[in-house]
Structure formats: C-alpha cells, structure tokens
N, C-alpha and C. Protein backbone atom coordinates (compact mmCIF):
# COMPACT_ATOMS: atom_id res chain seq x y z
N MET A 1 14.26 -3.59 -32.18
CA MET A 1 13.55 -2.48 -32.43
C MET A 1 14.00 -1.25 -31.38
N PRO A 2 14.32 -0.13 -31.99
CA PRO A 2 14.93 1.03 -31.03
C PRO A 2 13.65 1.55 -30.13
N LEU A 3 14.25 1.91 -28.88
CA LEU A 3 13.26 2.41 -27.97
C LEU A 3 12.65 3.84 -28.33
N PRO A 4 11.44 4.22 -28.18
CA PRO A 4 10.93 5.40 -28.48
C PRO A 4 11.83 6.51 -27.79
N PRO A 5 11.83 7.74 -28.41
CA PRO A 5 12.79 8.77 -27.84
C PRO A 5 12.46 9.26 -26.43
N LEU A 6 11.32 9.08 -25.91
CA LEU A 6 10.79 9.43 -24.60
C LEU A 6 11.08 8.47 -23.61
N ALA A 7 11.51 7.13 -23.97
CA ALA A 7 11.61 5.89 -22.97
C ALA A 7 12.82 6.37 -22.09
N ARG A 8 12.71 6.00 -20.80
CA ARG A 8 13.78 6.15 -19.88
C ARG A 8 14.11 4.80 -19.11
N SER A 9 15.28 4.62 -18.79
CA SER A 9 15.55 3.46 -18.04
C SER A 9 15.29 3.81 -16.57
N GLY A 10 15.08 2.77 -15.80
CA GLY A 10 14.98 3.00 -14.41
C GLY A 10 13.40 3.35 -14.14
N PRO A 11 13.02 3.38 -12.82
CA PRO A 11 11.73 3.65 -12.41
C PRO A 11 11.23 5.14 -12.79
N ARG A 12 9.95 5.14 -13.20
CA ARG A 12 9.45 6.44 -13.38
C ARG A 12 9.01 6.99 -12.03
N ARG A 13 8.91 8.36 -11.96
CA ARG A 13 8.56 8.99 -10.71
C ARG A 13 7.43 8.64 -10.10
N ARG A 14 6.27 8.48 -10.93
CA ARG A 14 4.97 8.01 -10.35
C ARG A 14 4.96 6.76 -9.77
N THR A 15 5.78 5.80 -10.44
CA THR A 15 5.94 4.38 -10.08
C THR A 15 6.54 4.52 -8.65
N LEU A 16 7.64 5.12 -8.61
CA LEU A 16 8.47 5.19 -7.34
C LEU A 16 7.54 5.83 -6.14
N LEU A 17 6.95 6.97 -6.40
CA LEU A 17 6.10 7.51 -5.42
C LEU A 17 4.98 6.72 -4.97
N ALA A 18 4.36 5.94 -5.93
CA ALA A 18 3.19 5.06 -5.62
C ALA A 18 3.69 3.79 -4.69
N SER A 19 4.83 3.38 -5.06
CA SER A 19 5.42 2.23 -4.16
C SER A 19 5.85 2.74 -2.88
N LEU A 20 6.33 3.89 -2.68
CA LEU A 20 6.60 4.44 -1.32
C LEU A 20 5.32 4.72 -0.54
N ALA A 21 4.32 5.21 -1.22
CA ALA A 21 3.07 5.43 -0.55
C ALA A 21 2.42 3.98 -0.04
N GLY A 22 2.50 3.11 -1.03
CA GLY A 22 2.04 1.80 -0.59
C GLY A 22 2.69 1.16 0.47
N ALA A 23 4.18 1.32 0.64
CA ALA A 23 4.74 0.85 1.66
C ALA A 23 4.40 1.50 2.98
N ALA A 24 4.23 2.74 3.08
CA ALA A 24 3.76 3.34 4.16
C ALA A 24 2.42 3.03 4.57
N LEU A 25 1.40 2.88 3.69
CA LEU A 25 0.18 2.39 4.03
C LEU A 25 0.14 1.00 4.65
N LEU A 26 0.94 0.10 3.99
CA LEU A 26 0.89 -1.27 4.54
C LEU A 26 1.43 -1.29 5.85
N THR A 27 2.51 -0.51 6.23
CA THR A 27 2.94 -0.50 7.49
C THR A 27 1.84 -0.05 8.62
N GLY A 28 1.14 1.02 8.07
CA GLY A 28 -0.02 1.69 8.86
C GLY A 28 -1.11 0.56 9.03
N CYS A 29 -1.22 -0.38 8.36
CA CYS A 29 -2.19 -1.35 8.58
C CYS A 29 -1.90 -2.61 9.47
N SER A 30 -0.69 -2.40 10.22
CA SER A 30 -0.37 -3.58 10.98
C SER A 30 -1.28 -3.83 12.20
N ASP A 31 -1.19 -4.86 12.88
CA ASP A 31 -1.91 -5.13 14.14
C ASP A 31 -1.79 -3.94 14.96
N ALA A 32 -2.88 -3.70 15.91
CA ALA A 32 -2.73 -2.69 16.79
C ALA A 32 -1.57 -3.04 17.84
N ASP A 33 -0.81 -2.09 18.12
CA ASP A 33 0.37 -2.39 18.99
C ASP A 33 0.48 -0.96 19.68
N ASP A 34 0.40 -1.01 21.07
CA ASP A 34 0.51 0.20 21.78
C ASP A 34 1.88 0.36 22.39
N GLY A 35 2.86 -0.56 22.05
CA GLY A 35 4.23 -0.44 22.42
C GLY A 35 4.49 -1.22 23.79
N THR A 36 3.51 -1.87 24.32
CA THR A 36 3.76 -2.68 25.43
C THR A 36 3.85 -4.13 25.17
N ASP A 37 4.36 -4.80 26.07
CA ASP A 37 4.52 -6.34 25.98
C ASP A 37 3.64 -7.04 26.79
N GLY A 38 2.51 -6.40 27.28
CA GLY A 38 1.53 -7.02 28.08
C GLY A 38 1.80 -6.94 29.52
N GLY A 39 3.11 -6.55 29.78
CA GLY A 39 3.46 -6.42 31.30
C GLY A 39 3.40 -4.99 31.64
N SER A 40 4.45 -4.54 32.28
CA SER A 40 4.38 -3.10 32.85
C SER A 40 4.65 -2.07 31.63
N GLY A 41 5.27 -2.44 30.52
CA GLY A 41 5.56 -1.56 29.46
C GLY A 41 6.68 -0.84 29.55
N ALA A 42 7.38 -0.91 30.77
CA ALA A 42 8.69 -0.22 30.96
C ALA A 42 9.65 -0.62 29.91
N PRO A 43 10.07 -1.88 29.61
CA PRO A 43 11.10 -2.21 28.62
C PRO A 43 10.67 -1.61 27.19
N ALA A 44 9.47 -1.79 26.81
CA ALA A 44 9.00 -1.28 25.56
C ALA A 44 9.12 0.23 25.43
N ALA A 45 8.72 0.87 26.55
CA ALA A 45 8.87 2.40 26.59
C ALA A 45 10.29 2.82 26.51
N ALA A 46 11.22 2.12 27.23
CA ALA A 46 12.66 2.43 27.15
C ALA A 46 13.20 2.35 25.74
N GLN A 47 12.80 1.15 25.18
CA GLN A 47 13.22 0.83 23.73
C GLN A 47 12.74 1.93 22.73
N GLU A 48 11.48 2.30 22.90
CA GLU A 48 10.89 3.38 22.04
C GLU A 48 11.55 4.73 22.20
N LYS A 49 12.00 5.05 23.47
CA LYS A 49 12.72 6.30 23.73
C LYS A 49 14.20 6.26 23.00
N ARG A 50 14.65 5.01 23.08
CA ARG A 50 16.02 4.91 22.66
C ARG A 50 16.00 5.05 21.05
N LEU A 51 14.90 4.41 20.35
CA LEU A 51 14.70 4.41 18.92
C LEU A 51 14.38 5.74 18.53
N ARG A 52 13.43 6.47 19.28
CA ARG A 52 13.28 7.93 18.98
C ARG A 52 14.40 8.87 18.97
N THR A 53 15.10 8.74 20.07
CA THR A 53 16.42 9.49 20.26
C THR A 53 17.40 9.32 19.15
N GLN A 54 17.59 8.00 18.82
CA GLN A 54 18.57 7.72 17.70
C GLN A 54 18.05 8.52 16.33
N ALA A 55 16.73 8.10 16.04
CA ALA A 55 16.20 8.62 14.85
C ALA A 55 16.36 10.18 14.82
N ALA A 56 16.04 10.86 15.92
CA ALA A 56 16.07 12.33 15.90
C ALA A 56 17.59 12.74 15.75
N ARG A 57 18.48 12.11 16.42
CA ARG A 57 19.91 12.32 16.21
C ARG A 57 20.31 12.09 14.82
N GLU A 58 19.97 11.16 14.17
CA GLU A 58 20.30 10.77 12.79
C GLU A 58 19.66 11.74 11.78
N SER A 59 18.54 12.12 12.16
CA SER A 59 17.88 13.21 11.25
C SER A 59 18.63 14.52 11.42
N ALA A 60 18.94 14.92 12.69
CA ALA A 60 19.60 16.03 12.89
C ALA A 60 21.01 16.25 12.27
N ASP A 61 21.75 15.02 12.10
CA ASP A 61 22.94 14.90 11.49
C ASP A 61 22.68 15.12 9.99
N LEU A 62 21.75 14.62 9.46
CA LEU A 62 21.35 14.64 7.99
C LEU A 62 21.01 16.17 7.67
N LEU A 63 20.36 16.75 8.70
CA LEU A 63 19.98 18.21 8.56
C LEU A 63 21.44 19.02 8.45
N GLY A 64 22.30 18.60 9.19
CA GLY A 64 23.62 19.30 9.20
C GLY A 64 24.21 19.15 7.91
N GLN A 65 24.17 18.02 7.22
CA GLN A 65 24.63 17.70 5.95
C GLN A 65 24.19 18.73 4.81
N TYR A 66 22.79 18.80 4.90
CA TYR A 66 22.21 19.82 3.99
C TYR A 66 22.59 21.30 4.32
N ASP A 67 22.76 21.59 5.67
CA ASP A 67 23.14 23.00 5.77
C ASP A 67 24.61 23.22 5.26
N ARG A 68 25.49 22.16 5.48
CA ARG A 68 26.81 22.38 4.86
C ARG A 68 26.96 22.42 3.43
N ALA A 69 26.02 21.57 2.75
CA ALA A 69 25.94 21.54 1.38
C ALA A 69 25.40 22.97 0.80
N VAL A 70 24.42 23.49 1.48
CA VAL A 70 23.86 24.72 0.93
C VAL A 70 25.07 25.89 1.25
N SER A 71 25.70 25.75 2.38
CA SER A 71 26.78 26.61 2.64
C SER A 71 27.94 26.52 1.68
N ALA A 72 28.27 25.38 1.12
CA ALA A 72 29.42 25.22 0.40
C ALA A 72 29.01 25.61 -1.10
N ARG A 73 27.72 25.27 -1.44
CA ARG A 73 27.17 25.60 -2.74
C ARG A 73 25.80 26.34 -2.80
N PRO A 74 25.86 27.57 -2.50
CA PRO A 74 24.47 28.42 -2.36
C PRO A 74 23.65 28.22 -3.54
N ALA A 75 24.26 28.04 -4.69
CA ALA A 75 23.47 27.71 -6.03
C ALA A 75 22.61 26.55 -5.90
N LEU A 76 22.74 25.70 -4.96
CA LEU A 76 21.91 24.56 -4.68
C LEU A 76 20.82 24.70 -3.80
N ALA A 77 20.70 25.94 -3.23
CA ALA A 77 19.76 26.21 -2.09
C ALA A 77 18.28 25.97 -2.75
N GLU A 78 18.07 26.46 -3.90
CA GLU A 78 16.64 26.27 -4.32
C GLU A 78 16.14 24.88 -4.46
N ARG A 79 17.14 24.02 -4.90
CA ARG A 79 16.91 22.56 -5.10
C ARG A 79 16.89 21.85 -3.76
N LEU A 80 17.68 22.34 -2.80
CA LEU A 80 17.80 21.35 -1.49
C LEU A 80 16.90 21.97 -0.44
N ASN A 81 16.52 23.25 -0.46
CA ASN A 81 15.79 23.76 0.78
C ASN A 81 14.41 23.01 0.97
N PRO A 82 13.75 22.47 -0.01
CA PRO A 82 12.44 21.88 0.22
C PRO A 82 12.68 20.45 0.92
N LEU A 83 13.83 19.66 0.43
CA LEU A 83 14.21 18.52 1.05
C LEU A 83 14.67 18.83 2.45
N ARG A 84 15.55 19.84 2.75
CA ARG A 84 16.15 20.14 3.95
C ARG A 84 14.92 20.41 4.87
N ALA A 85 13.97 21.15 4.48
CA ALA A 85 12.86 21.51 5.39
C ALA A 85 12.07 20.22 5.78
N GLU A 86 11.85 19.18 4.86
CA GLU A 86 11.24 17.85 5.29
C GLU A 86 12.22 17.16 6.37
N VAL A 87 13.49 17.29 6.15
CA VAL A 87 14.39 16.64 7.12
C VAL A 87 14.33 17.32 8.50
N GLU A 88 14.10 18.70 8.56
CA GLU A 88 13.85 19.43 9.79
C GLU A 88 12.68 18.98 10.50
N ARG A 89 11.42 18.77 9.70
CA ARG A 89 10.28 18.30 10.16
C ARG A 89 10.43 16.84 10.80
N HIS A 90 11.25 16.05 10.26
CA HIS A 90 11.54 14.72 10.76
C HIS A 90 12.28 14.77 12.06
N VAL A 91 13.22 15.69 12.22
CA VAL A 91 13.92 15.82 13.58
C VAL A 91 12.73 16.16 14.53
N LYS A 92 11.82 17.09 14.32
CA LYS A 92 10.77 17.40 15.22
C LYS A 92 9.99 16.28 15.48
N ALA A 93 9.47 15.66 14.50
CA ALA A 93 8.67 14.49 14.67
C ALA A 93 9.04 13.42 15.52
N PHE A 94 10.44 13.13 15.58
CA PHE A 94 11.13 12.23 16.43
C PHE A 94 11.33 12.79 17.87
N GLY A 95 10.96 14.08 18.01
CA GLY A 95 11.09 14.77 19.36
C GLY A 95 12.51 15.18 19.59
N GLY A 96 13.21 15.55 18.45
CA GLY A 96 14.62 16.08 18.57
C GLY A 96 14.54 17.57 18.52
N ALA A 97 15.55 18.10 18.84
CA ALA A 97 15.77 19.56 18.85
C ALA A 97 16.64 20.02 17.61
N ARG A 98 16.37 21.01 17.04
CA ARG A 98 17.07 21.54 15.89
C ARG A 98 18.52 22.00 16.32
N ARG A 99 19.48 21.50 15.70
CA ARG A 99 20.85 21.95 15.97
C ARG A 99 21.29 23.11 15.31
N PRO A 100 22.03 24.03 15.99
CA PRO A 100 22.42 25.33 15.23
C PRO A 100 23.22 24.92 13.99
N SER A 101 22.93 25.80 12.93
CA SER A 101 23.48 25.50 11.59
C SER A 101 24.93 26.21 11.45
N GLY A 102 25.43 26.66 12.44
CA GLY A 102 26.61 27.38 12.12
C GLY A 102 27.91 26.64 11.99
N ALA A 103 27.99 25.36 12.42
CA ALA A 103 29.07 24.64 12.42
C ALA A 103 29.26 23.99 11.06
N ALA A 104 30.13 24.39 10.30
CA ALA A 104 30.44 23.78 8.93
C ALA A 104 31.12 22.50 9.09
N ALA A 105 31.98 22.18 10.15
CA ALA A 105 32.71 20.97 10.34
C ALA A 105 32.79 20.79 11.84
N PRO A 106 32.85 19.50 12.22
CA PRO A 106 32.98 19.23 13.55
C PRO A 106 34.17 19.84 14.19
N PRO A 107 34.19 20.17 15.52
CA PRO A 107 35.13 20.85 16.16
C PRO A 107 36.48 20.13 15.96
N GLY A 108 37.53 20.93 15.78
CA GLY A 108 38.86 20.33 15.64
C GLY A 108 39.24 19.86 14.33
N ARG A 109 38.24 19.94 13.40
CA ARG A 109 38.50 19.55 12.00
C ARG A 109 38.47 20.58 11.19
N LYS A 110 39.37 20.81 10.13
CA LYS A 110 39.27 21.85 9.15
C LYS A 110 38.34 21.38 8.22
N PRO A 111 37.47 22.32 7.67
CA PRO A 111 36.45 22.11 6.58
C PRO A 111 37.24 21.66 5.40
N ALA A 112 36.67 20.62 4.73
CA ALA A 112 37.31 20.26 3.48
C ALA A 112 36.94 21.20 2.25
N ALA A 113 37.71 21.04 1.20
CA ALA A 113 37.53 22.00 0.19
C ALA A 113 36.26 21.69 -0.50
N PRO A 114 35.47 22.79 -0.83
CA PRO A 114 34.17 22.48 -1.30
C PRO A 114 34.00 21.54 -2.59
N ALA A 115 33.08 20.55 -2.40
CA ALA A 115 33.06 19.59 -3.49
C ALA A 115 32.31 20.19 -4.69
N SER A 116 32.22 19.48 -5.74
CA SER A 116 31.39 19.88 -6.92
C SER A 116 29.91 19.70 -6.56
N GLU A 117 29.12 20.38 -7.19
CA GLU A 117 27.62 20.28 -7.08
C GLU A 117 27.26 18.73 -7.15
N LYS A 118 27.73 18.20 -8.19
CA LYS A 118 27.36 16.75 -8.60
C LYS A 118 27.74 15.82 -7.27
N ASP A 119 29.05 16.08 -6.80
CA ASP A 119 29.45 15.30 -5.67
C ASP A 119 28.61 15.56 -4.44
N ILE A 120 28.10 16.87 -4.16
CA ILE A 120 27.34 17.12 -3.19
C ILE A 120 26.00 16.33 -3.14
N LEU A 121 25.34 16.45 -4.24
CA LEU A 121 24.14 15.73 -4.40
C LEU A 121 24.28 14.35 -4.39
N LYS A 122 25.42 13.74 -4.74
CA LYS A 122 25.54 12.29 -4.65
C LYS A 122 25.66 11.74 -3.12
N ALA A 123 26.54 12.66 -2.40
CA ALA A 123 26.78 12.36 -1.03
C ALA A 123 25.49 12.51 -0.38
N LEU A 124 24.59 13.42 -0.63
CA LEU A 124 23.37 13.68 0.09
C LEU A 124 22.30 12.55 -0.26
N SER A 125 22.35 12.04 -1.40
CA SER A 125 21.57 10.98 -1.94
C SER A 125 21.94 9.70 -1.20
N VAL A 126 23.20 9.46 -1.22
CA VAL A 126 23.69 8.24 -0.38
C VAL A 126 23.34 8.27 1.03
N ALA A 127 23.51 9.51 1.61
CA ALA A 127 23.20 9.56 3.12
C ALA A 127 21.71 9.34 3.26
N GLU A 128 20.92 9.96 2.47
CA GLU A 128 19.34 9.69 2.54
C GLU A 128 19.11 8.19 2.35
N GLN A 129 19.64 7.62 1.47
CA GLN A 129 19.27 6.29 1.14
C GLN A 129 19.81 5.25 2.22
N ARG A 130 20.96 5.49 2.76
CA ARG A 130 21.40 4.65 4.00
C ARG A 130 20.56 4.86 5.29
N LEU A 131 20.26 6.13 5.49
CA LEU A 131 19.36 6.40 6.63
C LEU A 131 18.01 5.76 6.33
N SER A 132 17.42 5.82 5.15
CA SER A 132 16.11 5.18 4.98
C SER A 132 16.30 3.63 5.19
N ASP A 133 17.30 3.07 4.75
CA ASP A 133 17.52 1.61 4.89
C ASP A 133 17.57 1.28 6.42
N ARG A 134 18.34 2.03 7.27
CA ARG A 134 18.45 1.89 8.66
C ARG A 134 17.03 1.95 9.18
N ARG A 135 16.30 2.95 8.86
CA ARG A 135 15.03 3.17 9.54
C ARG A 135 14.06 1.73 9.08
N MET A 136 14.28 1.33 7.81
CA MET A 136 13.37 0.25 7.44
C MET A 136 13.72 -0.98 8.31
N SER A 137 14.97 -1.13 8.66
CA SER A 137 15.53 -2.32 9.41
C SER A 137 15.01 -2.09 10.89
N ALA A 138 15.04 -0.81 11.29
CA ALA A 138 14.59 -0.56 12.71
C ALA A 138 13.06 -0.89 12.92
N LEU A 139 12.14 -1.01 11.92
CA LEU A 139 10.82 -1.17 12.02
C LEU A 139 10.59 -2.40 12.82
N VAL A 140 11.35 -3.50 12.77
CA VAL A 140 11.28 -4.78 13.48
C VAL A 140 11.19 -4.65 14.84
N ASP A 141 11.88 -3.54 15.45
CA ASP A 141 11.97 -3.46 16.88
C ASP A 141 11.13 -2.21 17.42
N ALA A 142 10.37 -1.56 16.50
CA ALA A 142 9.69 -0.39 16.92
C ALA A 142 8.23 -0.76 17.33
N PRO A 143 7.76 0.00 18.20
CA PRO A 143 6.26 -0.34 18.62
C PRO A 143 5.45 0.39 17.51
N GLY A 144 4.08 0.04 17.44
CA GLY A 144 3.13 0.51 16.46
C GLY A 144 3.24 1.88 15.89
N GLU A 145 3.12 2.94 16.72
CA GLU A 145 3.04 4.34 16.18
C GLU A 145 4.37 4.64 15.72
N LEU A 146 5.44 4.34 16.56
CA LEU A 146 6.78 4.73 16.07
C LEU A 146 7.13 3.99 14.83
N ALA A 147 6.72 2.75 14.62
CA ALA A 147 6.97 2.02 13.40
C ALA A 147 6.43 2.68 12.24
N ARG A 148 5.22 3.08 12.38
CA ARG A 148 4.46 3.84 11.29
C ARG A 148 5.26 5.23 10.90
N LEU A 149 5.78 5.92 11.87
CA LEU A 149 6.45 7.06 11.64
C LEU A 149 7.83 6.72 10.99
N LEU A 150 8.63 5.72 11.52
CA LEU A 150 9.71 5.28 10.92
C LEU A 150 9.32 5.00 9.49
N ALA A 151 8.54 4.23 9.17
CA ALA A 151 8.23 3.85 7.68
C ALA A 151 7.89 5.13 6.90
N SER A 152 7.16 6.06 7.30
CA SER A 152 6.84 7.14 6.65
C SER A 152 7.99 7.91 6.28
N VAL A 153 9.05 8.17 7.36
CA VAL A 153 10.14 8.84 7.20
C VAL A 153 11.07 8.15 6.38
N ALA A 154 11.29 6.90 6.36
CA ALA A 154 12.07 6.06 5.52
C ALA A 154 11.62 6.20 4.06
N ALA A 155 10.35 6.23 3.82
CA ALA A 155 9.75 6.39 2.43
C ALA A 155 10.19 7.83 1.83
N ALA A 156 10.03 8.68 2.70
CA ALA A 156 10.36 10.14 2.40
C ALA A 156 11.77 10.21 1.98
N GLY A 157 12.72 9.61 2.95
CA GLY A 157 14.12 9.62 2.62
C GLY A 157 14.54 8.92 1.24
N ALA A 158 13.75 7.71 1.04
CA ALA A 158 13.99 7.05 -0.35
C ALA A 158 13.64 8.04 -1.45
N GLY A 159 12.65 8.65 -1.27
CA GLY A 159 12.09 9.75 -2.30
C GLY A 159 13.10 10.78 -2.43
N HIS A 160 13.73 11.29 -1.36
CA HIS A 160 14.71 12.35 -1.38
C HIS A 160 16.09 11.88 -2.10
N ALA A 161 16.38 10.53 -1.95
CA ALA A 161 17.58 10.02 -2.54
C ALA A 161 17.39 9.89 -4.08
N TYR A 162 16.05 9.63 -4.52
CA TYR A 162 15.74 9.43 -5.99
C TYR A 162 15.73 11.02 -6.42
N LEU A 163 15.24 11.91 -5.86
CA LEU A 163 15.16 13.23 -6.32
C LEU A 163 16.48 13.97 -6.52
N LEU A 164 17.31 13.59 -5.54
CA LEU A 164 18.62 14.17 -5.58
C LEU A 164 19.55 13.64 -6.75
N THR A 165 19.17 12.48 -7.20
CA THR A 165 19.93 11.89 -8.37
C THR A 165 19.24 12.23 -9.70
N GLU A 166 17.97 12.73 -9.68
CA GLU A 166 17.29 12.95 -10.83
C GLU A 166 17.87 14.21 -11.48
N GLY A 167 17.91 14.16 -12.86
CA GLY A 167 18.36 15.32 -13.60
C GLY A 167 19.84 15.40 -13.67
C-alpha cells in the first residue's frame, strides 16, 4: 500500500524535540552532586574547571565556524543567525569569552574557496552533532550542575544539527 502524500521518512520535528527535552530532564533528575568527592573537593573542582574550559573553547570554535559560514555565504545569515546566537550563549554559559569574528581562517592559512550553501550547512550540521556527542560522553566525568549544563547544550546541538539538515 503506498504511503500517504504527507508521510515523511525519519523523525518528525516534534518527536525529536520531545526526546531532546526528555534527555535534558532526565539528566536534571540525577542524584544531588555538588562536585565534591567527600574530601576537600580540590580534584573535583580542577576537573570541573578543565571541563568548563574545554566546553567553552569548543563552543567558541563552533561559533567561529558559524561566523565563517555567514561571511562566505551572506544569504545564509537569516537561517544561521538564530543558531549562531545560541552557540554564543553556550560560550558564555561555560564561562568563555567571545572570540573576535574577524579571522576567516587561522593565521598562516589561506582561506579556502567558498563552499556551496549545501556544503556549508552539512559541515555545520556535522560539527554540531560531533560536539553534541562529545558533550554527552563528557557527562560521565562532570559534576552535577555542569553535567546538567552539558546535557542541555548537547541537546541543543543535536537539535541544531537536525535543523541544519532540514529542508
């Protein structure tokens, strides 16, 4: 029997967003963990600082990718700016500083020829999904509040990856 004309393959947007929200809520319902190991808390504090610094740096790098994408293809600005703004908030949430957006390529490297819009969106989607996956893996080592923040930002990144490939 043929599928109805409105049927789509893959997850529906509502299903995806509901599952992302559920994952964030489940992480938020974990046992109370103040980030200490019952001792002085110094090792846990150092680990939390390291995880926050890494997460801020990774978000800043992703923000740079968005800036380069909009610079290469200004027609994508309307679509990318809301996602880019979210990534900028993630940098701040992890305690990082916003990097200047002027550098289109790392020092010493010539900028590559502008890619097509489709290639740019695909590259951003892959970057978002990989970062989301790394953050989900980092949850194991993160203390309570940071784990909840990582889960929330990972869920947002997975949503961004989906939105970048939609349409």
